[in-house]
Amino acid sequence: SVEFREHPGYGCSCDVWSSGVIVFALLGGYLPWSAKDEEVHKRRIRTERCRFADSCWDEVSEDAMGLVERLLDYNPRRRIGAAEALNA
């Protein structure tokens, strides 16, 4: 997760973010951020929201896309919690 790279420590919030990456990839067929350069990749994760631009997202519900956005919130304090995600 983002905070694990910047602030060593591991918590449930890291797992939630990782789950968001997996759910995004399963629903969209590609990763939410990509770049050949590692520094560019890190910057994109910190500064860009995930995009639902490809046509594959046309069949995905607004609720599912909203959940993915909340799982991938850069700020762990705003990120949805695991229990709340399970009930979403």
Protein backbone atom coordinates (compact mmCIF):
# COMPACT_ATOMS: atom_id res chain seq x y z
CA SER A 1 0.00 0.00 0.00
CA VAL A 2 0.96 3.61 -0.32
CA GLU A 3 1.49 4.34 3.35
CA PHE A 4 3.56 1.18 3.84
CA ARG A 5 6.12 2.47 1.31
CA GLU A 6 6.26 5.93 2.87
CA HIS A 7 5.73 5.15 6.57
CA PRO A 8 6.89 1.68 7.59
CA GLY A 9 4.25 -0.13 9.52
CA TYR A 10 1.53 -2.53 8.59
CA GLY A 11 -2.13 -2.43 9.34
CA CYS A 12 -5.53 -3.39 8.05
CA SER A 13 -5.60 -0.23 5.95
CA CYS A 14 -2.74 -1.64 3.86
CA ASP A 15 -4.76 -4.77 3.15
CA VAL A 16 -7.81 -2.71 2.21
CA TRP A 17 -5.78 -0.70 -0.31
CA SER A 18 -4.25 -3.88 -1.76
CA SER A 19 -7.74 -5.36 -2.05
CA GLY A 20 -8.75 -2.29 -4.02
CA VAL A 21 -5.95 -2.87 -6.52
CA ILE A 22 -7.02 -6.50 -6.91
CA VAL A 23 -10.73 -5.66 -7.30
CA PHE A 24 -9.89 -2.94 -9.85
CA ALA A 25 -7.79 -5.44 -11.85
CA LEU A 26 -10.48 -8.13 -11.69
CA LEU A 27 -13.25 -5.79 -12.82
CA GLY A 28 -11.26 -3.74 -15.32
CA GLY A 29 -8.68 -6.16 -16.60
CA TYR A 30 -5.77 -3.80 -15.98
CA LEU A 31 -4.04 -2.13 -13.03
CA PRO A 32 -5.26 1.25 -11.76
CA TRP A 33 -1.89 2.98 -12.30
CA SER A 34 1.04 2.11 -14.49
CA ALA A 35 4.34 3.59 -15.56
CA LYS A 36 7.64 2.19 -16.72
CA ASP A 37 9.56 4.42 -14.32
CA GLU A 38 9.15 3.55 -10.63
CA GLU A 39 9.24 7.16 -9.45
CA VAL A 40 6.55 8.15 -11.96
CA HIS A 41 4.49 5.15 -10.83
CA LYS A 42 4.73 6.20 -7.17
CA ARG A 43 3.79 9.78 -8.05
CA ARG A 44 0.74 8.63 -9.99
CA ILE A 45 -0.45 6.56 -7.08
CA ARG A 46 -0.09 9.56 -4.74
CA THR A 47 -1.60 12.19 -7.04
CA GLU A 48 -4.01 10.55 -9.49
CA ARG A 49 -7.36 8.97 -8.84
CA CYS A 50 -8.01 5.65 -10.52
CA ARG A 51 -9.77 6.04 -13.86
CA PHE A 52 -12.67 4.02 -15.17
CA ALA A 53 -12.04 5.06 -18.75
CA ASP A 54 -12.06 1.82 -20.73
CA SER A 55 -15.28 0.45 -22.16
CA CYS A 56 -15.01 -2.60 -19.89
CA TRP A 57 -16.31 -0.39 -17.09
CA ASP A 58 -19.58 0.23 -18.96
CA GLU A 59 -20.97 -2.99 -17.51
CA VAL A 60 -19.75 -2.36 -13.95
CA SER A 61 -22.21 -0.78 -11.52
CA GLU A 62 -21.71 2.68 -10.05
CA ASP A 63 -21.76 1.08 -6.59
CA ALA A 64 -18.86 -1.23 -7.49
CA MET A 65 -16.83 1.61 -8.97
CA GLY A 66 -17.55 3.74 -5.90
CA LEU A 67 -16.34 0.96 -3.64
CA VAL A 68 -13.12 0.62 -5.65
CA GLU A 69 -12.51 4.36 -5.34
CA ARG A 70 -13.01 4.17 -1.57
CA LEU A 71 -10.67 1.16 -1.29
CA LEU A 72 -8.00 3.03 -3.25
CA ASP A 73 -8.20 6.32 -1.36
CA TYR A 74 -4.62 7.52 -0.94
CA ASN A 75 -5.35 8.83 2.55
CA PRO A 76 -5.64 5.87 4.95
CA ARG A 77 -7.75 7.97 7.35
CA ARG A 78 -10.39 8.50 4.64
CA ARG A 79 -10.10 5.01 3.16
CA ILE A 80 -13.02 2.70 3.80
CA GLY A 81 -12.48 0.16 6.57
CA ALA A 82 -12.52 -3.58 5.98
CA ALA A 83 -15.80 -4.18 7.84
CA GLU A 84 -17.51 -1.32 6.04
CA ALA A 85 -16.22 -2.59 2.67
CA LEU A 86 -17.70 -6.02 3.35
CA ASN A 87 -21.08 -4.43 4.00
CA ALA A 88 -20.94 -2.08 1.01
